């Protein structure tokens, strides 16, 4: 065991961190009607998919680290305010690390979403979208 491993273990004990299998969460978020259809071909660690409003993945979808895909959400502070809408992600889609996909969004085929983008509206096929909120900066040919 190296000194690095010993320090890592000690820090893990102090901070109550468990090292091991990376965390990826697929959950309905307490919304029972939702459905998860398909799964990404590749998904980075620390990613969360809340499928309470249904999430459908196409083929060849690659998702970066720390991405949040949220199809059902409750708004705290409001009486019974829920947003439950399906998310549809097309074929050959790349979603950059730490991007957020919000309820009701459809992402077309052959789309790239930039790292850190917040997707609030539909993204048409053959597009590159970046920013907060995400906007199309280029069309793919």
C-alpha atoms as a PDB file:
ATOM      1  CA  UNK A   1       0.000   0.000   0.000  1.00  0.00           C
ATOM      2  CA  UNK A   2       1.416   3.367  -1.024  1.00  0.00           C
ATOM      3  CA  UNK A   3       1.424   6.515   1.090  1.00  0.00           C
ATOM      4  CA  UNK A   4      -1.109   7.987  -1.338  1.00  0.00           C
ATOM      5  CA  UNK A   5      -3.481   5.067  -0.657  1.00  0.00           C
ATOM      6  CA  UNK A   6      -3.035   5.491   3.110  1.00  0.00           C
ATOM      7  CA  UNK A   7      -3.831   9.222   2.924  1.00  0.00           C
ATOM      8  CA  UNK A   8      -6.797   8.547   0.693  1.00  0.00           C
ATOM      9  CA  UNK A   9      -8.109   5.996   3.180  1.00  0.00           C
ATOM     10  CA  UNK A  10      -7.602   8.349   6.137  1.00  0.00           C
ATOM     11  CA  UNK A  11      -9.328  11.242   4.368  1.00  0.00           C
ATOM     12  CA  UNK A  12     -12.127   8.893   3.358  1.00  0.00           C
ATOM     13  CA  UNK A  13     -12.654   7.860   6.987  1.00  0.00           C
ATOM     14  CA  UNK A  14     -12.621  11.454   8.243  1.00  0.00           C
ATOM     15  CA  UNK A  15     -14.993  12.747   5.540  1.00  0.00           C
ATOM     16  CA  UNK A  16     -17.024   9.503   5.398  1.00  0.00           C
ATOM     17  CA  UNK A  17     -16.277   9.096   1.699  1.00  0.00           C
ATOM     18  CA  UNK A  18     -16.379   5.602   0.224  1.00  0.00           C
ATOM     19  CA  UNK A  19     -14.171   5.018  -2.759  1.00  0.00           C
ATOM     20  CA  UNK A  20     -15.178   2.343  -5.167  1.00  0.00           C
ATOM     21  CA  UNK A  21     -17.717   2.026  -7.951  1.00  0.00           C
ATOM     22  CA  UNK A  22     -18.595   5.401  -9.496  1.00  0.00           C
ATOM     23  CA  UNK A  23     -22.044   6.734  -8.728  1.00  0.00           C
ATOM     24  CA  UNK A  24     -24.697   7.035 -11.431  1.00  0.00           C
ATOM     25  CA  UNK A  25     -28.275   7.500 -10.283  1.00  0.00           C
ATOM     26  CA  UNK A  26     -31.373   6.437 -12.200  1.00  0.00           C
ATOM     27  CA  UNK A  27     -34.490   7.289 -10.194  1.00  0.00           C
ATOM     28  CA  UNK A  28     -38.156   8.155 -10.715  1.00  0.00           C
ATOM     29  CA  UNK A  29     -37.898  10.980  -8.183  1.00  0.00           C
ATOM     30  CA  UNK A  30     -41.019   9.716  -6.430  1.00  0.00           C
ATOM     31  CA  UNK A  31     -43.163  10.163  -9.556  1.00  0.00           C
ATOM     32  CA  UNK A  32     -44.573   6.696 -10.221  1.00  0.00           C
ATOM     33  CA  UNK A  33     -45.838   7.185 -13.791  1.00  0.00           C
ATOM     34  CA  UNK A  34     -42.417   7.853 -15.283  1.00  0.00           C
ATOM     35  CA  UNK A  35     -40.476   5.404 -17.387  1.00  0.00           C
ATOM     36  CA  UNK A  36     -36.838   5.043 -18.397  1.00  0.00           C
ATOM     37  CA  UNK A  37     -36.643   3.932 -22.032  1.00  0.00           C
ATOM     38  CA  UNK A  38     -33.165   2.856 -23.099  1.00  0.00           C
ATOM     39  CA  UNK A  39     -29.908   3.895 -21.506  1.00  0.00           C
ATOM     40  CA  UNK A  40     -26.936   5.844 -22.789  1.00  0.00           C
ATOM     41  CA  UNK A  41     -24.194   3.885 -24.503  1.00  0.00           C
ATOM     42  CA  UNK A  42     -21.758   5.726 -22.269  1.00  0.00           C
ATOM     43  CA  UNK A  43     -22.411   7.799 -19.124  1.00  0.00           C
ATOM     44  CA  UNK A  44     -19.950   9.579 -16.859  1.00  0.00           C
ATOM     45  CA  UNK A  45     -19.744   9.228 -13.110  1.00  0.00           C
ATOM     46  CA  UNK A  46     -21.802  11.487 -10.829  1.00  0.00           C
ATOM     47  CA  UNK A  47     -24.589  11.727 -13.423  1.00  0.00           C
ATOM     48  CA  UNK A  48     -28.253  11.726 -12.432  1.00  0.00           C
ATOM     49  CA  UNK A  49     -31.271  10.721 -14.522  1.00  0.00           C
ATOM     50  CA  UNK A  50     -34.647  11.521 -12.929  1.00  0.00           C
ATOM     51  CA  UNK A  51     -37.204   9.785 -15.153  1.00  0.00           C
ATOM     52  CA  UNK A  52     -40.434  10.587 -13.273  1.00  0.00           C
ATOM     53  CA  UNK A  53     -41.806  12.294 -16.386  1.00  0.00           C
ATOM     54  CA  UNK A  54     -40.254   9.661 -18.697  1.00  0.00           C
ATOM     55  CA  UNK A  55     -36.818   9.820 -20.303  1.00  0.00           C
ATOM     56  CA  UNK A  56     -36.192   8.161 -23.652  1.00  0.00           C
ATOM     57  CA  UNK A  57     -32.653   7.635 -24.927  1.00  0.00           C
ATOM     58  CA  UNK A  58     -31.927   6.964 -28.593  1.00  0.00           C
ATOM     59  CA  UNK A  59     -28.992   4.896 -29.798  1.00  0.00           C
ATOM     60  CA  UNK A  60     -25.342   5.905 -29.502  1.00  0.00           C
ATOM     61  CA  UNK A  61     -25.940   8.522 -26.785  1.00  0.00           C
ATOM     62  CA  UNK A  62     -22.856   9.579 -24.840  1.00  0.00           C
ATOM     63  CA  UNK A  63     -23.237  11.496 -21.581  1.00  0.00           C
ATOM     64  CA  UNK A  64     -20.356  13.246 -19.788  1.00  0.00           C
ATOM     65  CA  UNK A  65     -19.540  13.448 -16.086  1.00  0.00           C
ATOM     66  CA  UNK A  66     -21.979  15.071 -13.678  1.00  0.00           C
ATOM     67  CA  UNK A  67     -24.849  15.509 -16.147  1.00  0.00           C
ATOM     68  CA  UNK A  68     -28.366  16.014 -14.728  1.00  0.00           C
ATOM     69  CA  UNK A  69     -31.312  14.848 -16.837  1.00  0.00           C
ATOM     70  CA  UNK A  70     -34.461  15.824 -14.964  1.00  0.00           C
ATOM     71  CA  UNK A  71     -37.935  15.028 -16.340  1.00  0.00           C
ATOM     72  CA  UNK A  72     -39.822  15.612 -13.075  1.00  0.00           C
ATOM     73  CA  UNK A  73     -39.275  18.324 -10.534  1.00  0.00           C
ATOM     74  CA  UNK A  74     -41.060  19.978  -7.667  1.00  0.00           C
ATOM     75  CA  UNK A  75     -40.703  23.648  -6.960  1.00  0.00           C
ATOM     76  CA  UNK A  76     -40.203  24.226  -3.256  1.00  0.00           C
ATOM     77  CA  UNK A  77     -42.174  27.048  -1.703  1.00  0.00           C
ATOM     78  CA  UNK A  78     -45.126  26.644  -4.053  1.00  0.00           C
ATOM     79  CA  UNK A  79     -48.237  24.695  -3.242  1.00  0.00           C
ATOM     80  CA  UNK A  80     -48.313  21.472  -5.279  1.00  0.00           C
ATOM     81  CA  UNK A  81     -46.162  22.926  -8.047  1.00  0.00           C
ATOM     82  CA  UNK A  82     -44.765  20.097 -10.094  1.00  0.00           C
ATOM     83  CA  UNK A  83     -43.181  20.006 -13.512  1.00  0.00           C
ATOM     84  CA  UNK A  84     -43.504  16.542 -15.040  1.00  0.00           C
ATOM     85  CA  UNK A  85     -42.715  16.381 -18.754  1.00  0.00           C
ATOM     86  CA  UNK A  86     -40.954  13.776 -20.918  1.00  0.00           C
ATOM     87  CA  UNK A  87     -37.421  14.199 -22.216  1.00  0.00           C
ATOM     88  CA  UNK A  88     -36.559  12.638 -25.565  1.00  0.00           C
ATOM     89  CA  UNK A  89     -32.918  12.308 -26.595  1.00  0.00           C
ATOM     90  CA  UNK A  90     -32.326  11.274 -30.215  1.00  0.00           C
ATOM     91  CA  UNK A  91     -29.662   9.089 -31.800  1.00  0.00           C
ATOM     92  CA  UNK A  92     -25.957  10.014 -31.971  1.00  0.00           C
ATOM     93  CA  UNK A  93     -26.157  12.649 -29.232  1.00  0.00           C
ATOM     94  CA  UNK A  94     -23.251  13.882 -27.113  1.00  0.00           C
ATOM     95  CA  UNK A  95     -23.962  15.689 -23.827  1.00  0.00           C
ATOM     96  CA  UNK A  96     -20.973  17.440 -22.254  1.00  0.00           C
ATOM     97  CA  UNK A  97     -20.002  17.229 -18.598  1.00  0.00           C
ATOM     98  CA  UNK A  98     -22.143  19.066 -16.032  1.00  0.00           C
ATOM     99  CA  UNK A  99     -24.890  19.879 -18.525  1.00  0.00           C
ATOM    100  CA  UNK A 100     -28.478  20.017 -17.276  1.00  0.00           C
ATOM    101  CA  UNK A 101     -31.433  18.820 -19.356  1.00  0.00           C
ATOM    102  CA  UNK A 102     -34.738  20.129 -17.975  1.00  0.00           C
ATOM    103  CA  UNK A 103     -38.293  18.704 -18.243  1.00  0.00           C
ATOM    104  CA  UNK A 104     -40.076  18.756 -21.592  1.00  0.00           C
ATOM    105  CA  UNK A 105     -36.991  18.971 -23.809  1.00  0.00           C
ATOM    106  CA  UNK A 106     -36.527  17.056 -27.056  1.00  0.00           C
ATOM    107  CA  UNK A 107     -32.977  16.755 -28.377  1.00  0.00           C
ATOM    108  CA  UNK A 108     -32.844  15.764 -32.048  1.00  0.00           C
ATOM    109  CA  UNK A 109     -30.515  13.310 -33.771  1.00  0.00           C
ATOM    110  CA  UNK A 110     -26.829  14.126 -34.276  1.00  0.00           C
ATOM    111  CA  UNK A 111     -26.683  16.864 -31.623  1.00  0.00           C
ATOM    112  CA  UNK A 112     -23.818  18.011 -29.396  1.00  0.00           C
ATOM    113  CA  UNK A 113     -24.588  19.776 -26.116  1.00  0.00           C
ATOM    114  CA  UNK A 114     -21.663  21.720 -24.640  1.00  0.00           C
ATOM    115  CA  UNK A 115     -20.288  21.193 -21.148  1.00  0.00           C
ATOM    116  CA  UNK A 116     -22.185  23.137 -18.499  1.00  0.00           C
ATOM    117  CA  UNK A 117     -25.106  23.966 -20.803  1.00  0.00           C
ATOM    118  CA  UNK A 118     -28.620  24.222 -19.384  1.00  0.00           C
ATOM    119  CA  UNK A 119     -31.087  22.944 -21.965  1.00  0.00           C
ATOM    120  CA  UNK A 120     -34.502  24.523 -21.420  1.00  0.00           C
ATOM    121  CA  UNK A 121     -35.939  24.253 -24.954  1.00  0.00           C
ATOM    122  CA  UNK A 122     -35.928  21.754 -27.808  1.00  0.00           C
ATOM    123  CA  UNK A 123     -32.716  21.393 -29.825  1.00  0.00           C
ATOM    124  CA  UNK A 124     -33.255  20.465 -33.502  1.00  0.00           C
ATOM    125  CA  UNK A 125     -31.243  17.724 -35.174  1.00  0.00           C
ATOM    126  CA  UNK A 126     -27.731  18.366 -36.535  1.00  0.00           C
ATOM    127  CA  UNK A 127     -27.063  21.187 -34.052  1.00  0.00           C
ATOM    128  CA  UNK A 128     -24.425  22.248 -31.555  1.00  0.00           C
ATOM    129  CA  UNK A 129     -25.855  23.985 -28.474  1.00  0.00           C
ATOM    130  CA  UNK A 130     -23.964  25.658 -25.629  1.00  0.00           C
ATOM    131  CA  UNK A 131     -24.512  28.125 -22.794  1.00  0.00           C
ATOM    132  CA  UNK A 132     -26.963  29.015 -20.075  1.00  0.00           C
ATOM    133  CA  UNK A 133     -29.620  28.769 -21.312  1.00  0.00           C
ATOM    134  CA  UNK A 134     -28.413  26.594 -24.164  1.00  0.00           C
ATOM    135  CA  UNK A 135     -28.607  28.139 -27.608  1.00  0.00           C
ATOM    136  CA  UNK A 136     -27.623  26.812 -31.000  1.00  0.00           C
ATOM    137  CA  UNK A 137     -24.275  28.157 -32.167  1.00  0.00           C
ATOM    138  CA  UNK A 138     -23.751  26.011 -35.221  1.00  0.00           C
ATOM    139  CA  UNK A 139     -25.415  23.487 -37.479  1.00  0.00           C
ATOM    140  CA  UNK A 140     -23.640  20.262 -38.372  1.00  0.00           C
ATOM    141  CA  UNK A 141     -23.410  19.395 -42.039  1.00  0.00           C
END
